[in-house]
C-alpha atoms as a PDB file:
ATOM      1  CA  MET A   1      60.512-201.404  61.840  1.00  0.00           C
ATOM      2  CA  ASN A   2      57.441-203.443  62.661  1.00  0.00           C
ATOM      3  CA  ILE A   3      57.841-206.960  61.249  1.00  0.00           C
ATOM      4  CA  ILE A   4      54.125-207.696  61.642  1.00  0.00           C
ATOM      5  CA  GLU A   5      51.454-204.959  61.664  1.00  0.00           C
ATOM      6  CA  THR A   6      47.695-205.481  61.405  1.00  0.00           C
ATOM      7  CA  LYS A   7      45.001-202.841  61.474  1.00  0.00           C
ATOM      8  CA  LYS A   8      41.375-203.727  62.301  1.00  0.00           C
ATOM      9  CA  LEU A   9      41.981-207.187  60.913  1.00  0.00           C
ATOM     10  CA  THR A  10      38.726-209.064  60.780  1.00  0.00           C
ATOM     11  CA  LYS A  11      37.805-212.474  59.394  1.00  0.00           C
ATOM     12  CA  TYR A  12      34.343-214.091  59.294  1.00  0.00           C
ATOM     13  CA  TYR A  13      33.519-217.504  57.969  1.00  0.00           C
ATOM     14  CA  LEU A  14      30.305-218.895  56.475  1.00  0.00           C
ATOM     15  CA  ARG A  15      29.236-215.563  55.004  1.00  0.00           C
ATOM     16  CA  GLY A  16      29.584-213.756  58.272  1.00  0.00           C
ATOM     17  CA  LYS A  17      27.969-216.344  60.468  1.00  0.00           C
ATOM     18  CA  VAL A  18      31.135-217.520  62.284  1.00  0.00           C
ATOM     19  CA  LEU A  19      33.772-215.070  63.727  1.00  0.00           C
ATOM     20  CA  GLY A  20      37.445-215.887  63.268  1.00  0.00           C
ATOM     21  CA  VAL A  21      39.048-212.588  64.497  1.00  0.00           C
ATOM     22  CA  LYS A  22      37.712-209.125  64.823  1.00  0.00           C
ATOM     23  CA  ASN A  23      39.481-205.740  64.775  1.00  0.00           C
ATOM     24  CA  LEU A  24      42.860-207.272  65.515  1.00  0.00           C
ATOM     25  CA  ASN A  25      45.527-204.611  65.891  1.00  0.00           C
ATOM     26  CA  LEU A  26      49.107-205.859  66.277  1.00  0.00           C
ATOM     27  CA  GLU A  27      52.507-204.228  66.083  1.00  0.00           C
ATOM     28  CA  ILE A  28      55.398-206.684  66.474  1.00  0.00           C
ATOM     29  CA  ALA A  29      58.915-205.263  66.316  1.00  0.00           C
ATOM     30  CA  GLU A  30      62.042-206.659  64.718  1.00  0.00           C
ATOM     31  CA  GLY A  31      63.809-209.126  66.867  1.00  0.00           C
ATOM     32  CA  GLU A  32      60.811-209.563  69.289  1.00  0.00           C
ATOM     33  CA  ILE A  33      59.540-212.970  70.440  1.00  0.00           C
ATOM     34  CA  PHE A  34      55.807-212.410  70.656  1.00  0.00           C
ATOM     35  CA  GLY A  35      53.565-214.990  72.297  1.00  0.00           C
ATOM     36  CA  PHE A  36      49.974-215.277  71.028  1.00  0.00           C
ATOM     37  CA  ILE A  37      48.039-216.986  73.877  1.00  0.00           C
ATOM     38  CA  GLY A  38      44.605-218.420  74.019  1.00  0.00           C
ATOM     39  CA  PRO A  39      42.762-221.724  74.059  1.00  0.00           C
ATOM     40  CA  ASN A  40      41.779-223.718  71.029  1.00  0.00           C
ATOM     41  CA  GLY A  41      39.123-221.848  68.945  1.00  0.00           C
ATOM     42  CA  ALA A  42      40.206-218.409  70.217  1.00  0.00           C
ATOM     43  CA  GLY A  43      41.436-217.240  66.795  1.00  0.00           C
ATOM     44  CA  LYS A  44      45.160-218.041  66.945  1.00  0.00           C
ATOM     45  CA  SER A  45      45.329-220.262  63.869  1.00  0.00           C
ATOM     46  CA  THR A  46      43.018-217.954  61.884  1.00  0.00           C
ATOM     47  CA  THR A  47      45.424-215.045  62.606  1.00  0.00           C
ATOM     48  CA  ILE A  48      48.410-217.144  61.409  1.00  0.00           C
ATOM     49  CA  ARG A  49      46.608-218.102  58.217  1.00  0.00           C
ATOM     50  CA  LEU A  50      45.835-214.464  57.563  1.00  0.00           C
ATOM     51  CA  LEU A  51      49.500-213.454  58.081  1.00  0.00           C
ATOM     52  CA  LEU A  52      50.584-216.120  55.642  1.00  0.00           C
ATOM     53  CA  ASP A  53      47.894-215.120  53.073  1.00  0.00           C
ATOM     54  CA  LEU A  54      46.501-218.670  53.160  1.00  0.00           C
ATOM     55  CA  ILE A  55      43.098-217.114  53.692  1.00  0.00           C
ATOM     56  CA  ARG A  56      41.856-213.588  52.877  1.00  0.00           C
ATOM     57  CA  PRO A  57      40.521-211.187  55.486  1.00  0.00           C
ATOM     58  CA  THR A  58      36.953-209.949  55.498  1.00  0.00           C
ATOM     59  CA  SER A  59      38.364-206.487  56.213  1.00  0.00           C
ATOM     60  CA  GLY A  60      41.458-204.810  57.627  1.00  0.00           C
ATOM     61  CA  LYS A  61      45.083-204.483  56.594  1.00  0.00           C
ATOM     62  CA  ILE A  62      48.162-206.776  57.129  1.00  0.00           C
ATOM     63  CA  LYS A  63      51.742-205.886  56.585  1.00  0.00           C
ATOM     64  CA  VAL A  64      54.531-208.511  57.112  1.00  0.00           C
ATOM     65  CA  LEU A  65      58.199-207.481  56.844  1.00  0.00           C
ATOM     66  CA  GLY A  66      56.937-204.039  55.826  1.00  0.00           C
ATOM     67  CA  LEU A  67      55.200-205.540  52.728  1.00  0.00           C
ATOM     68  CA  ASP A  68      51.529-206.089  51.818  1.00  0.00           C
ATOM     69  CA  ALA A  69      50.700-209.643  52.976  1.00  0.00           C
ATOM     70  CA  HIS A  70      48.585-210.371  49.815  1.00  0.00           C
ATOM     71  CA  ILE A  71      50.376-208.396  47.071  1.00  0.00           C
ATOM     72  CA  ASP A  72      53.886-209.318  48.084  1.00  0.00           C
ATOM     73  CA  THR A  73      53.205-212.832  49.413  1.00  0.00           C
ATOM     74  CA  VAL A  74      55.873-214.577  47.280  1.00  0.00           C
ATOM     75  CA  GLN A  75      58.604-212.173  48.458  1.00  0.00           C
ATOM     76  CA  ILE A  76      57.423-212.534  52.047  1.00  0.00           C
ATOM     77  CA  LYS A  77      57.377-216.245  52.144  1.00  0.00           C
ATOM     78  CA  LYS A  78      60.966-216.485  51.036  1.00  0.00           C
ATOM     79  CA  GLN A  79      61.944-214.711  54.278  1.00  0.00           C
ATOM     80  CA  ILE A  80      59.636-216.692  56.610  1.00  0.00           C
ATOM     81  CA  GLY A  81      60.048-219.904  58.556  1.00  0.00           C
ATOM     82  CA  TYR A  82      56.638-221.512  59.267  1.00  0.00           C
ATOM     83  CA  LEU A  83      55.803-224.361  61.600  1.00  0.00           C
ATOM     84  CA  PRO A  84      52.066-225.325  61.260  1.00  0.00           C
ATOM     85  CA  GLY A  85      49.920-226.673  63.973  1.00  0.00           C
ATOM     86  CA  GLU A  86      49.219-229.792  61.878  1.00  0.00           C
ATOM     87  CA  ILE A  87      52.279-231.167  60.110  1.00  0.00           C
ATOM     88  CA  PHE A  88      52.006-232.860  56.715  1.00  0.00           C
ATOM     89  CA  LEU A  89      55.319-234.054  55.230  1.00  0.00           C
ATOM     90  CA  PRO A  90      56.063-236.580  52.417  1.00  0.00           C
ATOM     91  CA  GLU A  91      56.099-239.758  54.357  1.00  0.00           C
ATOM     92  CA  SER A  92      57.771-241.810  51.635  1.00  0.00           C
ATOM     93  CA  MET A  93      60.872-239.658  51.755  1.00  0.00           C
ATOM     94  CA  THR A  94      63.678-240.074  54.225  1.00  0.00           C
ATOM     95  CA  GLY A  95      64.263-237.184  56.555  1.00  0.00           C
ATOM     96  CA  LYS A  96      67.427-236.330  54.621  1.00  0.00           C
ATOM     97  CA  ASN A  97      65.690-236.226  51.240  1.00  0.00           C
ATOM     98  CA  CYS A  98      62.767-234.244  52.769  1.00  0.00           C
ATOM     99  CA  LEU A  99      65.305-231.702  54.037  1.00  0.00           C
ATOM    100  CA  LYS A 100      66.989-231.447  50.599  1.00  0.00           C
ATOM    101  CA  TYR A 101      63.561-231.044  48.920  1.00  0.00           C
ATOM    102  CA  TYR A 102      62.538-228.105  51.099  1.00  0.00           C
ATOM    103  CA  GLN A 103      65.968-226.532  50.946  1.00  0.00           C
ATOM    104  CA  GLY A 104      65.469-226.266  47.194  1.00  0.00           C
ATOM    105  CA  PHE A 105      62.835-223.570  47.835  1.00  0.00           C
ATOM    106  CA  LYS A 106      65.226-221.422  49.858  1.00  0.00           C
ATOM    107  CA  SER A 107      68.026-219.261  48.420  1.00  0.00           C
ATOM    108  CA  GLU A 108      70.628-219.497  51.154  1.00  0.00           C
ATOM    109  CA  ILE A 109      71.211-222.430  53.493  1.00  0.00           C
ATOM    110  CA  ASP A 110      73.903-222.515  56.183  1.00  0.00           C
ATOM    111  CA  HIS A 111      74.607-226.281  56.127  1.00  0.00           C
ATOM    112  CA  LYS A 112      76.867-226.175  59.128  1.00  0.00           C
ATOM    113  CA  TYR A 113      74.017-224.555  61.103  1.00  0.00           C
ATOM    114  CA  VAL A 114      71.545-227.195  59.822  1.00  0.00           C
ATOM    115  CA  ALA A 115      73.879-230.044  60.868  1.00  0.00           C
ATOM    116  CA  GLY A 116      74.116-228.455  64.341  1.00  0.00           C
ATOM    117  CA  ILE A 117      70.384-228.338  64.747  1.00  0.00           C
ATOM    118  CA  VAL A 118      69.987-231.949  63.615  1.00  0.00           C
ATOM    119  CA  LYS A 119      72.541-233.026  66.260  1.00  0.00           C
ATOM    120  CA  ARG A 120      70.977-230.908  68.991  1.00  0.00           C
ATOM    121  CA  LEU A 121      67.462-232.395  68.283  1.00  0.00           C
ATOM    122  CA  ASP A 122      68.893-235.873  68.013  1.00  0.00           C
ATOM    123  CA  LEU A 123      67.112-236.395  64.716  1.00  0.00           C
ATOM    124  CA  ASP A 124      67.848-239.453  62.568  1.00  0.00           C
ATOM    125  CA  LEU A 125      67.567-238.280  58.968  1.00  0.00           C
ATOM    126  CA  SER A 126      68.199-241.756  57.542  1.00  0.00           C
ATOM    127  CA  LYS A 127      64.683-242.957  58.448  1.00  0.00           C
ATOM    128  CA  LYS A 128      61.556-242.413  56.383  1.00  0.00           C
ATOM    129  CA  VAL A 129      59.326-239.667  57.605  1.00  0.00           C
ATOM    130  CA  GLY A 130      56.470-242.134  57.713  1.00  0.00           C
ATOM    131  CA  ASP A 131      58.409-244.140  60.366  1.00  0.00           C
ATOM    132  CA  TYR A 132      58.954-241.048  62.548  1.00  0.00           C
ATOM    133  CA  SER A 133      57.149-240.690  65.834  1.00  0.00           C
ATOM    134  CA  LYS A 134      55.009-237.573  66.369  1.00  0.00           C
ATOM    135  CA  GLY A 135      57.914-236.058  68.275  1.00  0.00           C
ATOM    136  CA  ASN A 136      60.390-236.695  65.472  1.00  0.00           C
ATOM    137  CA  LYS A 137      58.069-235.215  62.894  1.00  0.00           C
ATOM    138  CA  GLN A 138      57.850-232.138  65.043  1.00  0.00           C
ATOM    139  CA  LYS A 139      61.608-231.906  65.304  1.00  0.00           C
ATOM    140  CA  LEU A 140      61.938-232.208  61.501  1.00  0.00           C
ATOM    141  CA  ALA A 141      59.328-229.425  61.101  1.00  0.00           C
ATOM    142  CA  ILE A 142      61.325-227.205  63.485  1.00  0.00           C
ATOM    143  CA  LEU A 143      64.391-227.874  61.450  1.00  0.00           C
ATOM    144  CA  LEU A 144      62.651-226.905  58.208  1.00  0.00           C
ATOM    145  CA  ALA A 145      61.340-223.741  59.812  1.00  0.00           C
ATOM    146  CA  VAL A 146      64.764-222.418  61.032  1.00  0.00           C
ATOM    147  CA  MET A 147      67.197-223.971  58.499  1.00  0.00           C
ATOM    148  CA  HIS A 148      67.456-220.797  56.325  1.00  0.00           C
ATOM    149  CA  LYS A 149      67.773-218.379  59.266  1.00  0.00           C
ATOM    150  CA  PRO A 150      64.563-216.540  58.302  1.00  0.00           C
ATOM    151  CA  LYS A 151      63.780-212.981  59.206  1.00  0.00           C
ATOM    152  CA  LEU A 152      60.404-214.067  60.634  1.00  0.00           C
ATOM    153  CA  LEU A 153      59.376-217.324  62.356  1.00  0.00           C
ATOM    154  CA  ILE A 154      55.685-218.128  62.596  1.00  0.00           C
ATOM    155  CA  LEU A 155      55.201-221.071  64.948  1.00  0.00           C
ATOM    156  CA  ASP A 156      51.832-222.702  65.735  1.00  0.00           C
ATOM    157  CA  GLU A 157      51.995-224.841  68.928  1.00  0.00           C
ATOM    158  CA  PRO A 158      55.666-225.638  68.249  1.00  0.00           C
ATOM    159  CA  THR A 159      56.438-227.964  71.163  1.00  0.00           C
ATOM    160  CA  SER A 160      53.495-230.329  70.525  1.00  0.00           C
ATOM    161  CA  GLY A 161      54.773-233.847  70.808  1.00  0.00           C
ATOM    162  CA  LEU A 162      58.241-232.964  72.085  1.00  0.00           C
ATOM    163  CA  ASP A 163      59.554-234.486  75.325  1.00  0.00           C
ATOM    164  CA  PRO A 164      60.799-232.121  78.061  1.00  0.00           C
ATOM    165  CA  LEU A 165      64.433-232.351  76.998  1.00  0.00           C
ATOM    166  CA  ASN A 166      63.697-231.473  73.406  1.00  0.00           C
ATOM    167  CA  GLN A 167      61.320-228.646  74.546  1.00  0.00           C
ATOM    168  CA  GLN A 168      64.334-227.068  76.364  1.00  0.00           C
ATOM    169  CA  GLU A 169      66.461-227.465  73.259  1.00  0.00           C
ATOM    170  CA  PHE A 170      63.767-225.827  71.173  1.00  0.00           C
ATOM    171  CA  TYR A 171      63.672-222.863  73.548  1.00  0.00           C
ATOM    172  CA  SER A 172      67.418-222.472  73.258  1.00  0.00           C
ATOM    173  CA  ILE A 173      67.234-222.539  69.434  1.00  0.00           C
ATOM    174  CA  ILE A 174      64.543-219.821  69.330  1.00  0.00           C
ATOM    175  CA  LEU A 175      66.403-217.583  71.786  1.00  0.00           C
ATOM    176  CA  GLU A 176      69.540-217.945  69.565  1.00  0.00           C
ATOM    177  CA  THR A 177      67.554-216.843  66.507  1.00  0.00           C
ATOM    178  CA  LYS A 178      66.721-213.640  68.364  1.00  0.00           C
ATOM    179  CA  LYS A 179      70.401-212.816  68.599  1.00  0.00           C
ATOM    180  CA  TRP A 180      70.665-212.457  64.842  1.00  0.00           C
ATOM    181  CA  GLY A 181      67.520-210.364  64.626  1.00  0.00           C
ATOM    182  CA  THR A 182      64.867-212.976  63.774  1.00  0.00           C
ATOM    183  CA  THR A 183      61.335-212.047  64.930  1.00  0.00           C
ATOM    184  CA  THR A 184      59.183-214.876  66.235  1.00  0.00           C
ATOM    185  CA  PHE A 185      55.383-215.033  66.297  1.00  0.00           C
ATOM    186  CA  LEU A 186      54.607-217.933  68.704  1.00  0.00           C
ATOM    187  CA  SER A 187      51.047-219.252  68.971  1.00  0.00           C
ATOM    188  CA  THR A 188      50.604-221.341  72.116  1.00  0.00           C
ATOM    189  CA  HIS A 189      48.231-222.298  74.883  1.00  0.00           C
ATOM    190  CA  ILE A 190      51.160-223.242  77.161  1.00  0.00           C
ATOM    191  CA  LEU A 191      51.812-220.419  79.615  1.00  0.00           C
ATOM    192  CA  GLU A 192      55.153-221.784  80.783  1.00  0.00           C
ATOM    193  CA  GLU A 193      56.363-221.640  77.106  1.00  0.00           C
ATOM    194  CA  ALA A 194      55.498-217.960  76.857  1.00  0.00           C
ATOM    195  CA  GLN A 195      57.127-217.246  80.173  1.00  0.00           C
ATOM    196  CA  ARG A 196      60.376-218.973  79.110  1.00  0.00           C
ATOM    197  CA  ILE A 197      61.086-217.203  75.843  1.00  0.00           C
ATOM    198  CA  CYS A 198      58.625-214.338  75.008  1.00  0.00           C
ATOM    199  CA  ASP A 199      59.178-210.639  75.311  1.00  0.00           C
ATOM    200  CA  ARG A 200      55.533-209.826  75.136  1.00  0.00           C
ATOM    201  CA  VAL A 201      52.299-211.750  75.004  1.00  0.00           C
ATOM    202  CA  GLY A 202      48.922-211.052  73.403  1.00  0.00           C
ATOM    203  CA  ILE A 203      45.862-212.699  74.907  1.00  0.00           C
ATOM    204  CA  ILE A 204      43.059-213.540  72.456  1.00  0.00           C
ATOM    205  CA  LYS A 205      39.510-214.475  73.469  1.00  0.00           C
ATOM    206  CA  ASP A 206      36.680-215.358  71.194  1.00  0.00           C
ATOM    207  CA  GLY A 207      38.520-213.783  68.213  1.00  0.00           C
ATOM    208  CA  LYS A 208      39.279-210.500  70.016  1.00  0.00           C
ATOM    209  CA  LEU A 209      42.610-209.311  71.360  1.00  0.00           C
ATOM    210  CA  ILE A 210      41.902-208.468  74.982  1.00  0.00           C
ATOM    211  CA  ARG A 211      45.277-207.517  76.249  1.00  0.00           C
ATOM    212  CA  ILE A 212      48.953-207.160  75.281  1.00  0.00           C
ATOM    213  CA  GLU A 213      51.544-207.374  78.139  1.00  0.00           C
ATOM    214  CA  ASN A 214      55.292-207.272  78.504  1.00  0.00           C
ATOM    215  CA  ILE A 215      56.065-210.698  79.810  1.00  0.00           C
ATOM    216  CA  ASP A 216      58.026-209.328  82.766  1.00  0.00           C
ATOM    217  CA  ASP A 217      55.172-206.992  83.696  1.00  0.00           C
ATOM    218  CA  PHE A 218      52.783-209.891  83.255  1.00  0.00           C
ATOM    219  CA  LYS A 219      54.755-212.027  85.683  1.00  0.00           C
ATOM    220  CA  HIS A 220      55.265-209.233  88.205  1.00  0.00           C
ATOM    221  CA  LYS A 221      51.771-207.717  88.389  1.00  0.00           C
ATOM    222  CA  ASN A 222      52.050-207.709  92.186  1.00  0.00           C
ATOM    223  CA  ILE A 223      48.827-209.701  92.256  1.00  0.00           C
ATOM    224  CA  ARG A 224      48.498-211.343  95.679  1.00  0.00           C
ATOM    225  CA  ASP A 225      45.991-213.573  97.386  1.00  0.00           C
ATOM    226  CA  ILE A 226      45.537-212.623 100.974  1.00  0.00           C
ATOM    227  CA  HIS A 227      43.801-215.052 103.406  1.00  0.00           C
ATOM    228  CA  ILE A 228      42.692-213.333 106.591  1.00  0.00           C
ATOM    229  CA  GLU A 229      41.766-215.464 109.561  1.00  0.00           C
ATOM    230  CA  THR A 230      39.437-213.735 112.045  1.00  0.00           C
ATOM    231  CA  THR A 231      36.218-214.377 113.959  1.00  0.00           C
ATOM    232  CA  GLN A 232      35.406-210.662 113.818  1.00  0.00           C
ATOM    233  CA  SER A 233      33.097-209.290 111.183  1.00  0.00           C
ATOM    234  CA  ILE A 234      34.930-206.604 109.145  1.00  0.00           C
ATOM    235  CA  PRO A 235      32.842-203.966 107.295  1.00  0.00           C
ATOM    236  CA  LEU A 236      33.269-204.248 103.499  1.00  0.00           C
ATOM    237  CA  SER A 237      34.155-200.561 103.485  1.00  0.00           C
ATOM    238  CA  GLU A 238      37.284-201.451 105.435  1.00  0.00           C
ATOM    239  CA  LEU A 239      38.289-204.073 102.882  1.00  0.00           C
ATOM    240  CA  LYS A 240      37.108-202.664  99.480  1.00  0.00           C
ATOM    241  CA  ILE A 241      39.851-200.026  99.401  1.00  0.00           C
ATOM    242  CA  PRO A 242      42.181-198.989  96.510  1.00  0.00           C
ATOM    243  CA  GLY A 243      44.308-201.955  95.452  1.00  0.00           C
ATOM    244  CA  VAL A 244      41.807-204.576  96.599  1.00  0.00           C
ATOM    245  CA  THR A 245      40.102-206.043  93.466  1.00  0.00           C
ATOM    246  CA  LYS A 246      38.123-208.864  95.072  1.00  0.00           C
ATOM    247  CA  VAL A 247      36.662-209.730  98.473  1.00  0.00           C
ATOM    248  CA  GLU A 248      35.212-213.076  99.480  1.00  0.00           C
ATOM    249  CA  ARG A 249      33.841-214.247 102.825  1.00  0.00           C
ATOM    250  CA  THR A 250      35.252-217.653 103.949  1.00  0.00           C
ATOM    251  CA  THR A 251      34.504-220.004 106.866  1.00  0.00           C
ATOM    252  CA  SER A 252      37.634-218.687 108.634  1.00  0.00           C
ATOM    253  CA  GLY A 253      37.597-215.009 107.627  1.00  0.00           C
ATOM    254  CA  TYR A 254      38.159-213.374 104.283  1.00  0.00           C
ATOM    255  CA  HIS A 255      39.945-213.981 100.948  1.00  0.00           C
ATOM    256  CA  LEU A 256      41.167-210.852  99.157  1.00  0.00           C
ATOM    257  CA  THR A 257      42.853-210.353  95.821  1.00  0.00           C
ATOM    258  CA  THR A 258      45.039-207.320  95.665  1.00  0.00           C
ATOM    259  CA  THR A 259      47.333-205.469  93.247  1.00  0.00           C
ATOM    260  CA  GLY A 260      50.207-203.150  93.987  1.00  0.00           C
ATOM    261  CA  THR A 261      51.308-202.464  97.601  1.00  0.00           C
ATOM    262  CA  ASN A 262      49.316-203.495 100.609  1.00  0.00           C
ATOM    263  CA  GLY A 263      50.115-200.687 103.066  1.00  0.00           C
ATOM    264  CA  ALA A 264      46.665-199.155 103.039  1.00  0.00           C
ATOM    265  CA  LEU A 265      44.986-202.591 103.528  1.00  0.00           C
ATOM    266  CA  LEU A 266      47.299-203.473 106.499  1.00  0.00           C
ATOM    267  CA  LYS A 267      46.580-200.129 108.065  1.00  0.00           C
ATOM    268  CA  SER A 268      42.883-200.790 107.803  1.00  0.00           C
ATOM    269  CA  LEU A 269      43.192-204.288 109.186  1.00  0.00           C
ATOM    270  CA  ALA A 270      45.162-203.022 112.204  1.00  0.00           C
ATOM    271  CA  LYS A 271      41.769-201.811 113.665  1.00  0.00           C
ATOM    272  CA  PHE A 272      40.557-205.427 113.970  1.00  0.00           C
ATOM    273  CA  ASN A 273      41.432-208.561 115.843  1.00  0.00           C
ATOM    274  CA  ILE A 274      43.187-210.611 113.216  1.00  0.00           C
ATOM    275  CA  GLU A 275      44.400-214.028 114.109  1.00  0.00           C
ATOM    276  CA  ASP A 276      46.506-214.746 111.008  1.00  0.00           C
ATOM    277  CA  ILE A 277      47.302-213.383 107.523  1.00  0.00           C
ATOM    278  CA  LYS A 278      48.629-215.555 104.779  1.00  0.00           C
ATOM    279  CA  VAL A 279      49.869-213.933 101.530  1.00  0.00           C
ATOM    280  CA  SER A 280      50.579-215.879  98.353  1.00  0.00           C
ATOM    281  CA  GLU A 281      51.365-214.955  94.756  1.00  0.00           C
ATOM    282  CA  PRO A 282      49.370-216.711  91.932  1.00  0.00           C
ATOM    283  CA  SER A 283      51.155-218.628  89.229  1.00  0.00           C
ATOM    284  CA  LEU A 284      51.503-217.176  85.726  1.00  0.00           C
ATOM    285  CA  GLU A 285      48.664-219.428  84.565  1.00  0.00           C
ATOM    286  CA  GLU A 286      46.409-218.217  87.377  1.00  0.00           C
ATOM    287  CA  ILE A 287      47.150-214.587  86.377  1.00  0.00           C
ATOM    288  CA  PHE A 288      46.337-215.419  82.783  1.00  0.00           C
ATOM    289  CA  MET A 289      43.057-217.014  83.652  1.00  0.00           C
ATOM    290  CA  ARG A 290      42.072-213.966  85.697  1.00  0.00           C
ATOM    291  CA  PHE A 291      42.773-211.758  82.776  1.00  0.00           C
ATOM    292  CA  TYR A 292      40.957-214.142  80.444  1.00  0.00           C
ATOM    293  CA  LYS A 293      37.811-214.078  82.598  1.00  0.00           C
ATOM    294  CA  GLU A 294      37.626-210.303  82.628  1.00  0.00           C
END
């Protein structure tokens, strides 16, 4: 079953003057960790608000947990853990009382599990929320999102404010929720985050979904940068062959971007006096930026 499903989901603001998202089609399966990637303003937060029925779409359909996101919103929210991009918690309460307060809205709480998360995140629940640092508020928000072992986690920039050690602990917690079947919708602009824990990623640009990729395929696109050093002029017809997506002239020769195998290219280059060939693979972030600029 698809835990999240949208069809031609569109949202405009200011009576159609400002685009939030347009014709968004998503199918996210049970148990999947899905990364939703894009810079600020791309439409990530708008999508989350639509999924949670915090705002209504201009057009299109949304199903969450197999239910209508608007008609069945109360039933849906009981089964969701949500971590917003901007956290607002009752600052006069202690962390412990804040936890008890929000637990009152959930039907089943595994208190042993909650205690384990508190320990792993090194969170002092005796302090008032108002005295927490940004990182500790983020840790409390993570705890509130996972405490009831929800069927669906919706997380908006979840590691904001966390130090590297707590980021690693967060990744471990999310990967553990996957083992009992929880689906995670993770909105982030951090490529390393998606690489660490996601099964698939969707790339959103200017409110439009431009690509969905399996994370392993995304990391192993066989995209290579090839730097050719030569004083000889090589006809472009010998370089612009299948598998070569970009050719640039440099002061020392040529810079090529390729996909797939390079056998045909090497065969073509064998005709010329090549002084040196250097091959490198771009980082995940560089691959993402190339897709994003398409």
